[in-house]
Amino acid sequence: MLMRLLLVMGAVFLLATQPALPDMVRVTGRAFVEAGKQDLARRTALEDALYQAALAGGAQVDGFSVVDQGVLTGDSILLRPSSRILDFVIVEEYAAGSQYEVVIDAYVGTQPDLGCAVRPDVELIAVRPHIHASMRTPLWMKGALELAHDQTLDALGRTAKIKITRSSIDITPRGRQASAVQDDFDYQTLLTGRATRATAPVSQLPKDARGLQLRWSSDAARVNATRVTVTVEARIIDPAAPSRAGDQRLRHTIRLAPDTPWRALNVVARKDQGAVADALAEHISAGLMPLLARLPCAPLVAQLEPAGEGRFRVSLGARDGLTKQSLAFAEGRGQAWTVFRVTELAQSSAIISPMNAARAPDGLAGVSVRFSGGMQ
């Protein structure tokens, strides 16, 4: 009994150590044909073939002993497949004497987890903000918006699986050509000879990078008004995958001190600037966090773009959590499903091909495919 247990466990170990990559196996299922029940025998043979294919991809074994009044009476083994059948096709089927046999080619393997917890962090480059304060607002309002912007980025950077890097990249469209002279060029600079030619500002994100832009504006109904309305427009910029970009608009009203001589002193001393910046940062960051929190768990769905014979490009890549072992699924086009495997992987894109080219339908360009994992 012990020797049989060791032999079975050794065989299972060999099965379980098969590579995790999907692989094709050819197996034959068999079933006895009862009188007038060939259809039942065919279904049973197909079920047997599918079970054998699943075992060929790996198995789990559980062993236990049967004890009766403290006496060992026997050992039992429970054998279960540990892999999934991703796709299969019936090669041939026939009746052989009293048996019915079904031969199938099946693709088996374990499907890697692409849930939020195992995906890489989303890296955002914060570009230069656009900040505008109306002349109807206090003189210190623009400075308050600048402080609020910095504090908001600090708060958003604490969002789970989000990393924010600040940059001087300026993607704001400009109506005129930028000056070639430094901003701090003045008469003293001219006399001392320290003038240098200004470098052109960077206006594009690096390849495969995502950007975050915040546009701040403030206005009031009139000068010396006690209420100022601040509007913030947030944009997630993704040149490599425009469909995965996003935007959000928030508005917040802040109250100022009444129009008294004390308020005039506060304006001169900028006493209210820090308090307004703190209140704005707290409100705006809380409103934008849901927008950023969705990025690491966004559904991994993309459309197929032709990339050669039997090859398709998708705008998802390693930065989204895909690996060479990732699998994509498409439904429709005359088939219950079509499984794709990754053949080439880049940071923001991948080339995928049907796992079973003989079974893949025509006209797959434009079809949406879904990789496992993510919020559905």
Foldseek 3Di string as FASTA:
>chain_A
DVVVVVVVVVVQVVQAPPDQFWDKDKDKFKAFDDPPPVVVLVVNRVVRRQQVRLSNNHKDKDKDFDADPNRTDGIDMDIGRPKDFPDKDWPDWDDDVRMTMTMMITIIHHADALALVQAAAAEAEEEDEAEEEDPQDFPCQSVLVVLLVVLLVVLLCPFPSYHYHYDHAAQDDDPDDDDQWDPPDDPVCVVVVVTDTDDDHHRDDPPQHKYKYKYWYKDDPGHQDQKIKIKIKIKIGGVLDRVLIDIDIDMDMDGHDHPDPVSVVCSVVVVCSNVSSVVSNVVVSVVCNVVSNQVSQAFQKFFWADDDDQKTKTQAASNNPDDQRWKKWFDDLPDRIWIWGFDAGDSGMTMIGTPDVVPDHPDRGGTMIGIPYHDD
